[in-house]
Each structure stands twice: as structure tokens, then as C-alpha cells.
N, C-alpha and C. Protein backbone atom coordinates (compact mmCIF):
# COMPACT_ATOMS: atom_id res chain seq x y z
N MET A 1 144.18 159.72 100.61
CA MET A 1 143.88 161.12 101.27
C MET A 1 143.47 161.92 100.07
N MET A 2 144.21 162.19 99.14
CA MET A 2 144.03 163.10 97.97
C MET A 2 142.77 162.65 97.16
N LEU A 3 142.67 161.45 97.05
CA LEU A 3 141.61 160.88 96.34
C LEU A 3 140.23 161.44 97.11
N ASN A 4 140.29 161.17 98.35
CA ASN A 4 139.07 161.66 99.24
C ASN A 4 138.90 163.08 99.09
N LEU A 5 139.82 163.93 99.19
CA LEU A 5 139.78 165.38 99.07
C LEU A 5 139.24 165.70 97.69
N LEU A 6 139.70 164.96 96.67
CA LEU A 6 139.15 165.44 95.17
C LEU A 6 137.72 165.01 95.15
N TYR A 7 137.31 163.83 95.85
CA TYR A 7 135.87 163.37 95.84
C TYR A 7 135.15 164.45 96.53
N LYS A 8 135.64 164.96 97.70
CA LYS A 8 134.96 166.05 98.35
C LYS A 8 134.76 167.12 97.47
N GLU A 9 135.84 167.70 96.71
CA GLU A 9 135.78 168.69 95.77
C GLU A 9 134.55 168.52 94.88
N LEU A 10 134.66 167.54 94.29
CA LEU A 10 133.60 167.26 93.12
C LEU A 10 132.24 167.11 93.71
N ARG A 11 131.99 166.55 95.01
CA ARG A 11 130.72 166.41 95.56
C ARG A 11 130.25 167.56 96.25
N LEU A 12 131.01 168.33 96.95
CA LEU A 12 130.52 169.38 97.73
C LEU A 12 131.06 170.89 97.26
N ALA A 13 132.18 171.03 96.76
CA ALA A 13 132.78 172.19 96.42
C ALA A 13 132.48 172.66 95.08
N ALA A 14 132.40 171.66 93.96
CA ALA A 14 132.18 172.19 92.69
C ALA A 14 130.84 172.70 92.38
N HIS A 15 130.59 173.83 91.86
CA HIS A 15 129.34 174.40 91.51
C HIS A 15 128.83 173.64 90.29
N PRO A 16 127.35 173.39 90.15
CA PRO A 16 127.00 172.74 88.87
C PRO A 16 127.42 173.31 87.61
N ASN A 17 127.67 174.50 87.44
CA ASN A 17 128.18 175.21 86.32
C ASN A 17 129.40 174.57 85.81
N LEU A 18 130.32 174.17 86.69
CA LEU A 18 131.67 173.49 86.44
C LEU A 18 131.38 172.38 85.46
N PHE A 19 130.29 171.46 85.79
CA PHE A 19 130.07 170.36 84.94
C PHE A 19 129.50 170.75 83.67
N ILE A 20 128.74 171.78 83.70
CA ILE A 20 128.03 172.30 82.46
C ILE A 20 129.10 172.78 81.53
N PHE A 21 129.98 173.73 81.99
CA PHE A 21 131.09 174.23 81.18
C PHE A 21 132.12 173.26 80.67
N THR A 22 132.13 172.21 81.42
CA THR A 22 133.08 171.06 81.02
C THR A 22 132.59 170.26 79.83
N LEU A 23 131.14 170.21 79.75
CA LEU A 23 130.57 169.56 78.69
C LEU A 23 130.55 170.43 77.31
N LEU A 24 130.99 171.66 77.68
CA LEU A 24 130.94 172.58 76.36
C LEU A 24 132.21 172.43 75.44
N GLY A 25 132.83 171.22 75.67
CA GLY A 25 133.87 170.79 74.78
C GLY A 25 133.13 170.42 73.44
N VAL A 26 131.90 170.12 73.52
CA VAL A 26 131.19 169.69 72.36
C VAL A 26 131.00 170.72 71.18
N LEU A 27 131.39 172.04 71.77
CA LEU A 27 131.05 173.16 70.82
C LEU A 27 131.97 173.22 69.58
N VAL A 28 133.08 172.34 69.58
CA VAL A 28 133.95 172.27 68.48
C VAL A 28 133.24 171.66 67.17
N ILE A 29 132.04 171.16 67.32
CA ILE A 29 131.23 170.70 66.21
C ILE A 29 130.32 171.77 65.67
N VAL A 30 130.17 172.90 66.23
CA VAL A 30 129.49 174.07 65.83
C VAL A 30 129.98 174.69 64.61
N PRO A 31 129.25 174.86 63.69
CA PRO A 31 129.76 175.58 62.34
C PRO A 31 130.08 177.09 62.70
N ALA A 32 131.16 177.59 62.02
CA ALA A 32 131.40 179.10 62.08
C ALA A 32 131.39 179.70 63.43
N TYR A 33 132.03 178.83 64.37
CA TYR A 33 132.19 179.27 65.86
C TYR A 33 133.63 179.47 66.25
N PRO A 34 133.92 180.58 66.98
CA PRO A 34 135.22 180.69 67.44
C PRO A 34 135.65 179.74 68.44
N TYR A 35 136.23 178.52 68.13
CA TYR A 35 136.54 177.56 69.03
C TYR A 35 137.42 177.80 70.28
N GLY A 36 138.03 178.91 70.25
CA GLY A 36 138.84 179.37 71.43
C GLY A 36 137.98 179.73 72.55
N MET A 37 136.63 179.80 72.37
CA MET A 37 135.66 180.11 73.45
C MET A 37 135.62 178.86 74.38
N VAL A 38 135.93 177.67 73.83
CA VAL A 38 135.99 176.54 74.64
C VAL A 38 136.78 176.71 75.81
N PHE A 39 138.04 177.23 75.58
CA PHE A 39 139.13 177.30 76.51
C PHE A 39 138.69 178.52 77.51
N LEU A 40 137.97 179.39 77.19
CA LEU A 40 137.50 180.33 78.04
C LEU A 40 136.34 179.87 79.00
N PHE A 41 135.52 179.01 78.57
CA PHE A 41 134.67 178.35 79.31
C PHE A 41 135.37 177.45 80.30
N GLY A 42 136.37 176.87 80.06
CA GLY A 42 137.25 176.06 80.76
C GLY A 42 137.87 176.72 81.86
N CYS A 43 138.00 178.11 81.72
CA CYS A 43 138.59 178.95 82.85
C CYS A 43 137.34 179.57 83.73
N LEU A 44 136.16 179.84 83.00
CA LEU A 44 135.16 180.35 83.64
C LEU A 44 134.52 179.38 84.78
N GLY A 45 134.38 178.08 84.44
CA GLY A 45 133.77 177.13 85.22
C GLY A 45 134.62 177.02 86.56
N PRO A 46 135.89 176.90 86.59
CA PRO A 46 136.56 176.93 87.91
C PRO A 46 136.52 178.30 88.67
N TYR A 47 136.39 179.44 87.93
CA TYR A 47 136.26 180.63 88.72
C TYR A 47 134.84 180.52 89.42
N ILE A 48 133.72 180.21 88.84
CA ILE A 48 132.46 180.17 89.50
C ILE A 48 132.46 179.31 90.55
N THR A 49 133.27 178.16 90.48
CA THR A 49 133.40 177.07 91.70
C THR A 49 134.09 177.86 92.68
N PHE A 50 135.10 178.53 92.54
CA PHE A 50 135.89 179.14 93.56
C PHE A 50 135.05 180.26 94.27
N MET A 51 134.29 180.94 93.43
CA MET A 51 133.39 181.99 94.00
C MET A 51 132.36 181.30 94.84
N TYR A 52 131.76 180.19 94.45
CA TYR A 52 130.79 179.46 95.12
C TYR A 52 131.50 179.00 96.53
N GLY A 53 132.68 178.50 96.40
CA GLY A 53 133.45 178.06 97.62
C GLY A 53 133.52 179.31 98.51
N ARG A 54 133.70 180.27 98.01
CA ARG A 54 133.91 181.47 99.00
C ARG A 54 132.65 181.93 99.75
N GLU A 55 131.46 181.72 99.06
CA GLU A 55 130.18 182.02 99.62
C GLU A 55 129.90 180.86 100.66
N THR A 56 130.27 179.62 100.48
CA THR A 56 129.91 178.48 101.33
C THR A 56 131.00 178.31 102.51
N ASN A 57 132.17 179.14 102.24
CA ASN A 57 133.12 178.98 103.24
C ASN A 57 133.94 177.41 103.04
N ASP A 58 134.03 177.07 101.82
CA ASP A 58 134.79 175.87 101.74
C ASP A 58 136.01 175.62 102.04
N ILE A 59 136.73 176.79 101.69
CA ILE A 59 138.32 176.73 102.27
C ILE A 59 138.40 176.69 103.64
N TYR A 60 137.63 177.39 104.38
CA TYR A 60 137.72 177.25 105.83
C TYR A 60 137.38 175.80 106.36
N TYR A 61 136.24 175.39 105.64
CA TYR A 61 135.73 174.18 106.11
C TYR A 61 136.92 172.90 105.79
N THR A 62 137.48 173.04 104.70
CA THR A 62 138.55 172.21 104.25
C THR A 62 139.73 172.30 105.35
N CYS A 63 140.05 173.45 105.69
CA CYS A 63 141.17 173.56 106.65
C CYS A 63 140.86 173.13 108.05
N LEU A 64 139.55 172.89 108.43
CA LEU A 64 139.20 172.40 109.73
C LEU A 64 139.33 170.82 109.63
N LEU A 65 139.36 170.25 108.46
CA LEU A 65 139.63 168.79 108.37
C LEU A 65 141.16 168.52 108.63
N PRO A 66 141.38 167.16 108.99
CA PRO A 66 142.76 166.74 109.46
C PRO A 66 143.55 166.57 108.13
N VAL A 67 143.83 167.80 107.61
CA VAL A 67 144.75 167.74 106.34
C VAL A 67 145.63 168.99 106.38
N LYS A 68 146.58 168.93 105.73
CA LYS A 68 147.56 170.06 105.66
C LYS A 68 147.01 171.18 104.82
N LYS A 69 147.46 172.41 104.95
CA LYS A 69 147.08 173.62 104.09
C LYS A 69 147.44 173.22 102.57
N ARG A 70 148.76 172.65 102.51
CA ARG A 70 149.13 172.31 101.09
C ARG A 70 148.12 171.27 100.46
N ASP A 71 147.49 170.46 101.20
CA ASP A 71 146.59 169.46 100.59
C ASP A 71 145.33 170.12 100.09
N THR A 72 144.94 171.17 100.85
CA THR A 72 143.84 172.05 100.42
C THR A 72 144.08 172.58 99.12
N VAL A 73 145.40 173.24 98.96
CA VAL A 73 145.74 173.93 97.62
C VAL A 73 145.63 172.75 96.32
N LYS A 74 146.43 171.60 96.78
CA LYS A 74 146.51 170.49 96.03
C LYS A 74 144.98 170.04 95.47
N ALA A 75 144.20 169.96 96.20
CA ALA A 75 142.98 169.46 95.93
C ALA A 75 142.21 170.41 94.88
N LYS A 76 142.39 171.72 95.09
CA LYS A 76 141.82 172.74 94.23
C LYS A 76 142.56 172.73 92.91
N CYS A 77 143.98 172.37 92.85
CA CYS A 77 144.67 172.29 91.53
C CYS A 77 144.17 171.01 90.76
N LEU A 78 143.86 169.92 91.53
CA LEU A 78 143.50 168.73 90.93
C LEU A 78 142.12 168.89 90.31
N LEU A 79 141.19 169.75 91.04
CA LEU A 79 139.88 169.83 90.57
C LEU A 79 139.92 170.73 89.16
N MET A 80 140.73 171.64 89.13
CA MET A 80 140.89 172.39 87.96
C MET A 80 141.46 171.61 86.80
N VAL A 81 142.43 170.96 87.07
CA VAL A 81 142.98 170.09 85.96
C VAL A 81 142.00 168.93 85.52
N SER A 82 141.40 168.45 86.53
CA SER A 82 140.41 167.28 86.08
C SER A 82 139.20 167.80 85.19
N ALA A 83 138.74 169.05 85.55
CA ALA A 83 137.70 169.63 84.71
C ALA A 83 138.21 170.11 83.27
N GLN A 84 139.43 170.63 83.25
CA GLN A 84 139.92 171.04 81.97
C GLN A 84 140.35 169.96 81.18
N MET A 85 140.97 168.92 81.71
CA MET A 85 141.45 167.84 80.77
C MET A 85 140.07 166.93 80.37
N THR A 86 139.05 166.91 81.33
CA THR A 86 137.86 166.22 80.91
C THR A 86 137.09 166.97 79.72
N GLN A 87 137.12 168.36 79.78
CA GLN A 87 136.65 169.12 78.77
C GLN A 87 137.28 168.77 77.47
N LEU A 88 138.60 168.68 77.44
CA LEU A 88 139.35 168.57 76.22
C LEU A 88 138.97 167.10 75.69
N LEU A 89 139.06 166.09 76.64
CA LEU A 89 138.73 164.86 76.14
C LEU A 89 137.27 164.52 75.50
N ILE A 90 136.25 165.44 76.15
CA ILE A 90 134.94 165.43 75.54
C ILE A 90 134.95 165.95 74.09
N SER A 91 135.90 166.96 73.98
CA SER A 91 135.88 167.66 72.61
C SER A 91 136.36 166.79 71.48
N LEU A 92 137.35 165.94 71.93
CA LEU A 92 138.02 164.97 70.94
C LEU A 92 137.21 164.31 69.85
N PRO A 93 136.27 163.49 70.34
CA PRO A 93 135.39 162.71 69.48
C PRO A 93 134.65 163.67 68.55
N PHE A 94 134.17 164.84 69.00
CA PHE A 94 133.41 165.95 68.16
C PHE A 94 134.39 166.53 67.19
N ALA A 95 135.68 166.74 67.54
CA ALA A 95 136.62 167.46 66.67
C ALA A 95 136.90 166.46 65.52
N ILE A 96 136.84 165.05 65.77
CA ILE A 96 136.99 163.99 64.67
C ILE A 96 135.68 163.94 63.83
N LEU A 97 134.61 163.97 64.50
CA LEU A 97 133.34 163.91 63.81
C LEU A 97 133.13 165.16 62.83
N ARG A 98 133.44 166.26 63.29
CA ARG A 98 133.32 167.42 62.44
C ARG A 98 134.03 167.40 61.14
N LEU A 99 135.02 166.53 61.00
CA LEU A 99 135.87 166.36 59.85
C LEU A 99 134.93 165.96 58.65
N SER A 100 133.94 165.06 58.99
CA SER A 100 133.05 164.39 58.03
C SER A 100 131.79 165.32 57.89
N VAL A 101 131.40 165.99 58.96
CA VAL A 101 130.15 166.57 59.11
C VAL A 101 130.25 168.13 58.39
N LEU A 102 131.42 168.67 58.87
CA LEU A 102 131.67 170.03 58.27
C LEU A 102 132.98 170.08 57.58
N PRO A 103 133.09 169.48 56.30
CA PRO A 103 134.52 169.36 55.63
C PRO A 103 134.99 170.63 55.04
N LYS A 104 134.17 171.68 55.11
CA LYS A 104 134.52 172.88 54.50
C LYS A 104 135.45 173.73 55.50
N GLY A 105 135.42 173.27 56.88
CA GLY A 105 136.33 174.13 57.74
C GLY A 105 135.59 175.15 58.47
N ASN A 106 136.31 175.85 59.42
CA ASN A 106 135.73 176.71 60.13
C ASN A 106 136.13 178.23 59.76
N PRO A 107 135.28 179.01 59.21
CA PRO A 107 135.59 180.49 58.70
C PRO A 107 135.75 181.42 59.85
N ALA A 108 135.41 180.95 61.07
CA ALA A 108 135.44 181.91 62.12
C ALA A 108 136.76 182.01 62.78
N GLY A 109 137.51 181.00 62.60
CA GLY A 109 138.77 180.89 63.22
C GLY A 109 139.73 179.65 63.11
N ILE A 110 140.46 179.33 64.18
CA ILE A 110 141.28 178.13 63.99
C ILE A 110 140.41 176.96 63.94
N GLU A 111 140.92 175.87 63.24
CA GLU A 111 140.31 174.57 63.39
C GLU A 111 140.49 173.87 64.56
N ALA A 112 139.78 172.88 64.97
CA ALA A 112 140.15 172.04 66.04
C ALA A 112 141.05 171.06 65.69
N ASN A 113 142.25 171.37 65.61
CA ASN A 113 143.35 170.55 65.16
C ASN A 113 144.40 170.44 66.28
N VAL A 114 145.62 169.93 65.86
CA VAL A 114 146.72 169.59 66.67
C VAL A 114 147.13 170.94 67.35
N ALA A 115 147.30 171.98 66.56
CA ALA A 115 147.78 173.23 67.08
C ALA A 115 146.88 173.90 67.95
N TYR A 116 145.54 173.60 67.65
CA TYR A 116 144.45 174.11 68.61
C TYR A 116 144.51 173.75 69.91
N TYR A 117 144.79 172.39 70.09
CA TYR A 117 144.91 171.80 71.54
C TYR A 117 146.12 172.24 72.17
N GLY A 118 147.18 172.42 71.41
CA GLY A 118 148.51 173.00 71.94
C GLY A 118 148.32 174.32 72.49
N PHE A 119 147.75 175.11 71.77
CA PHE A 119 147.43 176.43 72.17
C PHE A 119 146.57 176.49 73.37
N GLY A 120 145.57 175.64 73.37
CA GLY A 120 144.60 175.66 74.42
C GLY A 120 145.16 175.14 75.80
N LEU A 121 146.10 174.29 75.65
CA LEU A 121 146.76 173.93 76.94
C LEU A 121 147.75 175.23 77.47
N MET A 122 148.34 175.95 76.58
CA MET A 122 148.99 177.18 76.99
C MET A 122 147.99 178.16 77.62
N ILE A 123 146.92 178.46 77.04
CA ILE A 123 145.83 179.26 77.53
C ILE A 123 145.53 178.85 79.02
N TYR A 124 145.25 177.60 79.23
CA TYR A 124 144.80 177.08 80.42
C TYR A 124 146.03 177.32 81.48
N ALA A 125 147.29 177.19 80.95
CA ALA A 125 148.39 177.21 81.85
C ALA A 125 148.63 178.59 82.31
N ILE A 126 148.33 179.60 81.41
CA ILE A 126 148.47 181.04 81.77
C ILE A 126 147.35 181.42 82.86
N PHE A 127 146.10 181.01 82.55
CA PHE A 127 145.11 181.27 83.55
C PHE A 127 145.24 180.67 85.02
N ASN A 128 145.62 179.34 84.82
CA ASN A 128 145.60 178.57 86.11
C ASN A 128 146.83 179.19 87.04
N LEU A 129 147.86 179.54 86.23
CA LEU A 129 149.04 180.02 87.04
C LEU A 129 148.72 181.32 87.76
N ILE A 130 148.14 182.24 87.07
CA ILE A 130 147.94 183.61 87.60
C ILE A 130 146.74 183.36 88.49
N PHE A 131 145.65 182.68 88.20
CA PHE A 131 144.38 182.63 88.94
C PHE A 131 144.81 182.06 90.46
N LEU A 132 145.42 180.88 90.41
CA LEU A 132 145.65 180.13 91.66
C LEU A 132 146.71 180.87 92.65
N THR A 133 147.57 181.42 91.97
CA THR A 133 148.79 182.13 92.93
C THR A 133 148.08 183.39 93.36
N GLU A 134 147.25 183.94 92.71
CA GLU A 134 146.66 185.25 93.17
C GLU A 134 145.62 184.90 94.14
N PHE A 135 144.85 183.96 93.99
CA PHE A 135 143.77 183.54 94.88
C PHE A 135 144.35 183.24 96.39
N PHE A 136 145.21 182.42 96.32
CA PHE A 136 145.71 181.79 97.62
C PHE A 136 146.72 182.85 98.30
N LYS A 137 146.68 184.04 97.79
CA LYS A 137 147.36 185.01 98.62
C LYS A 137 146.51 185.20 99.79
N THR A 138 145.18 185.33 99.48
CA THR A 138 144.26 185.61 100.60
C THR A 138 143.26 184.46 100.96
N GLY A 139 142.98 183.56 99.92
CA GLY A 139 141.94 182.52 100.12
C GLY A 139 140.63 182.83 99.96
N HIS A 140 140.27 184.17 99.66
CA HIS A 140 138.98 184.59 99.40
C HIS A 140 138.71 185.55 98.28
N LYS A 141 139.77 186.32 97.78
CA LYS A 141 139.46 187.35 96.82
C LYS A 141 139.43 186.63 95.42
N VAL A 142 138.39 186.15 95.12
CA VAL A 142 138.23 185.50 93.87
C VAL A 142 138.13 186.31 92.75
N GLY A 143 137.36 187.42 92.76
CA GLY A 143 137.12 188.24 91.51
C GLY A 143 138.50 188.89 91.16
N LYS A 144 139.28 189.54 91.98
CA LYS A 144 140.51 190.13 91.78
C LYS A 144 141.47 189.14 90.98
N ALA A 145 141.56 187.76 91.57
CA ALA A 145 142.34 186.76 90.92
C ALA A 145 141.87 186.52 89.31
N PHE A 146 140.50 186.39 89.27
CA PHE A 146 139.88 186.11 88.03
C PHE A 146 140.18 187.28 86.91
N ILE A 147 140.17 188.41 87.28
CA ILE A 147 140.42 189.60 86.31
C ILE A 147 141.78 189.44 85.98
N LYS A 148 142.71 189.35 86.78
CA LYS A 148 144.17 189.34 86.56
C LYS A 148 144.40 188.13 85.64
N ALA A 149 143.79 186.91 85.76
CA ALA A 149 144.14 185.82 85.01
C ALA A 149 143.41 185.83 83.69
N ILE A 150 142.03 186.25 83.49
CA ILE A 150 141.32 186.13 82.39
C ILE A 150 141.73 187.04 81.24
N ILE A 151 142.26 188.12 81.57
CA ILE A 151 142.68 189.13 80.57
C ILE A 151 143.87 188.57 79.68
N PRO A 152 145.08 187.97 80.22
CA PRO A 152 145.97 187.44 79.43
C PRO A 152 145.41 186.01 78.63
N ALA A 153 144.60 185.33 79.41
CA ALA A 153 143.95 184.08 78.76
C ALA A 153 143.10 184.47 77.59
N ALA A 154 142.43 185.48 77.71
CA ALA A 154 141.64 185.99 76.60
C ALA A 154 142.44 186.53 75.37
N LEU A 155 143.54 187.31 75.77
CA LEU A 155 144.31 187.89 74.79
C LEU A 155 145.10 186.66 73.92
N GLY A 156 145.27 185.56 74.59
CA GLY A 156 145.89 184.29 74.05
C GLY A 156 144.96 183.81 73.18
N VAL A 157 143.69 183.71 73.42
CA VAL A 157 142.66 183.12 72.59
C VAL A 157 142.54 184.10 71.41
N ILE A 158 142.38 185.37 71.43
CA ILE A 158 142.38 186.16 70.26
C ILE A 158 143.57 186.01 69.38
N VAL A 159 144.86 185.95 69.99
CA VAL A 159 145.84 185.68 69.07
C VAL A 159 145.77 184.51 68.27
N MET A 160 145.30 183.42 69.04
CA MET A 160 145.12 182.07 68.37
C MET A 160 144.11 182.12 67.17
N GLU A 161 143.08 182.84 67.45
CA GLU A 161 141.97 182.86 66.51
C GLU A 161 142.35 183.78 65.33
N VAL A 162 143.09 184.93 65.47
CA VAL A 162 143.31 185.85 64.46
C VAL A 162 144.71 185.36 63.70
N ILE A 163 145.66 184.80 64.23
CA ILE A 163 146.80 184.50 63.50
C ILE A 163 146.81 183.55 62.38
N VAL A 164 145.72 182.71 62.42
CA VAL A 164 145.49 181.73 61.20
C VAL A 164 144.83 182.42 60.08
N HIS A 165 144.47 183.68 60.17
CA HIS A 165 144.09 184.38 59.00
C HIS A 165 145.19 185.03 58.20
N PHE A 166 146.34 185.02 58.76
CA PHE A 166 147.46 185.58 57.91
C PHE A 166 148.06 184.42 57.06
N PRO A 167 148.31 184.78 55.90
CA PRO A 167 148.74 183.64 54.86
C PRO A 167 150.07 182.84 55.51
N ARG A 168 151.04 183.54 56.16
CA ARG A 168 152.21 182.80 56.68
C ARG A 168 151.94 181.60 57.56
N PHE A 169 150.73 181.84 58.43
CA PHE A 169 150.56 181.00 59.38
C PHE A 169 149.22 180.01 59.14
N LYS A 170 148.84 180.06 57.72
CA LYS A 170 147.64 179.19 57.46
C LYS A 170 147.92 177.73 57.69
N TRP A 171 149.27 177.28 58.00
CA TRP A 171 149.48 175.97 58.18
C TRP A 171 148.91 175.61 59.56
N LEU A 172 148.79 176.57 60.49
CA LEU A 172 148.25 176.41 61.66
C LEU A 172 146.70 176.04 61.77
N ASP A 173 146.10 176.39 60.64
CA ASP A 173 144.78 176.04 60.58
C ASP A 173 144.21 174.88 59.65
N SER A 174 145.35 174.21 59.25
CA SER A 174 145.19 173.18 58.27
C SER A 174 144.75 171.82 59.10
N LEU A 175 143.93 170.89 58.27
CA LEU A 175 143.59 169.63 58.91
C LEU A 175 144.32 168.50 58.06
N GLU A 176 145.23 168.73 57.14
CA GLU A 176 145.92 167.93 56.36
C GLU A 176 146.89 167.31 57.34
N VAL A 177 147.09 165.90 57.01
CA VAL A 177 147.97 165.08 57.84
C VAL A 177 149.35 165.63 57.84
N ASP A 178 150.07 166.10 56.75
CA ASP A 178 151.37 166.53 56.86
C ASP A 178 151.43 167.89 57.69
N MET A 179 150.51 168.65 57.50
CA MET A 179 150.51 170.06 58.27
C MET A 179 150.19 169.80 59.83
N MET A 180 149.34 168.79 60.14
CA MET A 180 149.23 168.43 61.49
C MET A 180 150.32 167.76 62.35
N LEU A 181 151.15 167.19 61.32
CA LEU A 181 152.52 166.67 61.90
C LEU A 181 153.47 167.80 62.19
N LYS A 182 153.29 168.86 61.42
CA LYS A 182 154.14 170.07 61.51
C LYS A 182 153.68 170.85 62.81
N GLN A 183 152.25 170.58 63.09
CA GLN A 183 151.77 171.37 64.20
C GLN A 183 152.17 170.47 65.62
N LEU A 184 152.48 169.51 65.48
CA LEU A 184 152.80 168.48 66.77
C LEU A 184 153.80 169.15 67.67
N PRO A 185 154.80 169.86 67.38
CA PRO A 185 155.63 170.58 68.38
C PRO A 185 154.83 171.47 69.36
N ILE A 186 153.81 172.15 68.74
CA ILE A 186 152.97 173.19 69.37
C ILE A 186 152.22 172.38 70.52
N LEU A 187 151.75 171.27 70.18
CA LEU A 187 151.04 170.32 71.26
C LEU A 187 151.91 169.94 72.26
N ILE A 188 153.16 169.55 71.90
CA ILE A 188 154.10 168.98 72.79
C ILE A 188 154.54 170.13 73.86
N ILE A 189 154.76 171.27 73.14
CA ILE A 189 155.10 172.45 73.96
C ILE A 189 153.99 172.80 74.93
N GLY A 190 152.82 172.61 74.42
CA GLY A 190 151.65 173.04 75.13
C GLY A 190 151.43 172.05 76.44
N ILE A 191 151.75 170.84 76.31
CA ILE A 191 151.66 169.74 77.44
C ILE A 191 152.71 170.08 78.43
N ILE A 192 153.89 170.42 77.81
CA ILE A 192 155.02 170.70 78.90
C ILE A 192 154.78 171.98 79.76
N VAL A 193 154.28 173.08 78.92
CA VAL A 193 153.91 174.35 79.54
C VAL A 193 152.86 174.09 80.62
N TYR A 194 151.71 173.37 80.30
CA TYR A 194 150.64 173.08 81.20
C TYR A 194 151.30 172.44 82.33
N ILE A 195 151.93 171.33 82.33
CA ILE A 195 152.41 170.56 83.48
C ILE A 195 153.27 171.40 84.35
N PHE A 196 154.24 172.25 83.72
CA PHE A 196 155.26 173.09 84.41
C PHE A 196 154.37 174.19 85.21
N ALA A 197 153.45 174.70 84.65
CA ALA A 197 152.58 175.87 85.15
C ALA A 197 151.80 175.38 86.34
N MET A 198 151.31 174.26 86.23
CA MET A 198 150.41 173.68 87.28
C MET A 198 151.48 173.27 88.57
N LEU A 199 152.42 172.70 88.24
CA LEU A 199 153.48 172.56 89.28
C LEU A 199 153.89 173.63 90.10
N LEU A 200 154.28 174.74 89.07
CA LEU A 200 154.60 176.07 89.75
C LEU A 200 153.44 176.68 90.40
N ALA A 201 152.34 176.61 89.97
CA ALA A 201 151.14 177.17 90.58
C ALA A 201 150.86 176.59 92.01
N TYR A 202 150.92 175.32 92.04
CA TYR A 202 150.94 174.57 93.34
C TYR A 202 151.91 174.96 94.33
N ARG A 203 153.15 174.94 93.89
CA ARG A 203 154.18 175.43 94.77
C ARG A 203 154.04 176.72 95.24
N VAL A 204 153.80 177.81 94.40
CA VAL A 204 153.72 179.18 94.90
C VAL A 204 152.45 179.44 95.75
N SER A 205 151.37 178.77 95.35
CA SER A 205 150.01 178.90 96.01
C SER A 205 150.22 178.35 97.40
N SER A 206 150.91 177.10 97.49
CA SER A 206 150.90 176.38 98.88
C SER A 206 151.72 177.30 99.71
N ASN A 207 152.86 178.00 99.22
CA ASN A 207 153.72 178.70 100.11
C ASN A 207 152.88 180.01 100.56
N ARG A 208 152.15 180.62 99.61
CA ARG A 208 151.44 181.72 99.97
C ARG A 208 150.25 181.39 100.95
N PHE A 209 149.56 180.40 100.73
CA PHE A 209 148.49 180.05 101.64
C PHE A 209 148.86 179.50 103.06
N GLN A 210 150.01 179.14 103.08
CA GLN A 210 150.66 178.86 104.53
C GLN A 210 150.59 180.13 105.48
N LYS A 211 150.80 181.32 104.82
CA LYS A 211 150.87 182.53 105.52
C LYS A 211 149.62 182.97 105.74
N VAL A 212 148.49 182.60 105.13
CA VAL A 212 147.20 183.10 105.39
C VAL A 212 146.59 182.68 106.74
N ASP A 213 146.01 183.77 107.41
CA ASP A 213 145.34 183.40 108.72
C ASP A 213 143.86 183.38 108.39
N LEU A 214 143.41 182.38 108.33
CA LEU A 214 141.81 182.19 108.14
C LEU A 214 140.96 182.53 109.39
């Protein structure tokens, strides 16, 4: 059932821009570029899709199907996770390639290293938790949910990009093997935070959406 709903989300509900923004994981190979923007694009794509869904009455249509309201929420959560994880997977080979193409590093901010992906998962977690729980209060107020979610996510990106310019935190910007091993706990924490945030977002959103009268 959930695979069918996810298929429906990808074929009918997802705005074309979602796929375009997902492909922007390749931006990690652009020289002198703030790579934190990749994560903001990963937040912007789902927002446009939810806005598109509001205009096409996608939530209402899904609720007319023989599925529970909880399944409607779960399908949206899975769509966001699928898009964001695909974006990160797309970025990985380009992050590796840039080591040989751009050996001098990224003067604009953090390198596409282990810490970068850990911070990125935390940024996604913050956005998803706020956006989904706020949106499913009503099932249609997309703009309000986006503004509340994107502000802390953007602040997270700014902190990530700026902090590596302080000497004390230069190890977060390193591509040396020993330094990336030191960064590994950040990635692990990011994975845990992302999983926990999505489970919490699903639970809270489901409970709120149950009370919504469409």
C-alpha cells in the first residue's frame, strides 16, 4: 500500500522542480560556492511540491482514496525523505571528484566532507520537523509552515558555513583522513537526529491531521 502511495506521490503530486532541486546535489563540485545552499534547495523542493499539491487539491484527493489519514501523512514524509536522501546520494560522487578537480579547497565555506553531511542531515531534520507538523495542522497553509521552518534551517546553514572560518573549528573544514575520522561523530549524530525528527514529525503530524476537517 505505501509503495503505491509513494508511487502516486512521485507521479502525480511531485512538482517537476522537486526533481530539479534534487539534482542540485551536483553543486558540491562548483568552485568557491557555499555548499550549504544544497540543503536549502533540498528544503525548497518539497515546499514547492506541497504548494503545488494545495493548488491541485492533492491532500483532498488522497483522502478520498481507501487509505487512512495517517497513510496520507506517511506518504508525504516518505516523499520528502526520498528527495533529500537522493540529493545527498547524487552529491557524493561529485564530492569525491572535486578532491582531484579542486584540490585547493572551498574558500567560500565548509568543504563537502563528513561534517558537512552530518550538519546537512541536522538542517534537514529541523526543517522537516517544523514544516510537516505545522502544515498538517490545517493541511493547506503551506506558506506559513515554510516560513517557520526555513528560518531556523537557514540559520543552521549560516552557522555551518561561518564556523569553519574560526581557527578553533578549522578541523571541521578539513579533508584530511584523520580529521574526517574526527568528524565522524557529527555524521552519526546527524543520522540519529534525522531519523528521530522524521519519526516525531510523522507522529505529531498524523495526530494533528486526524483532527483536520477537509
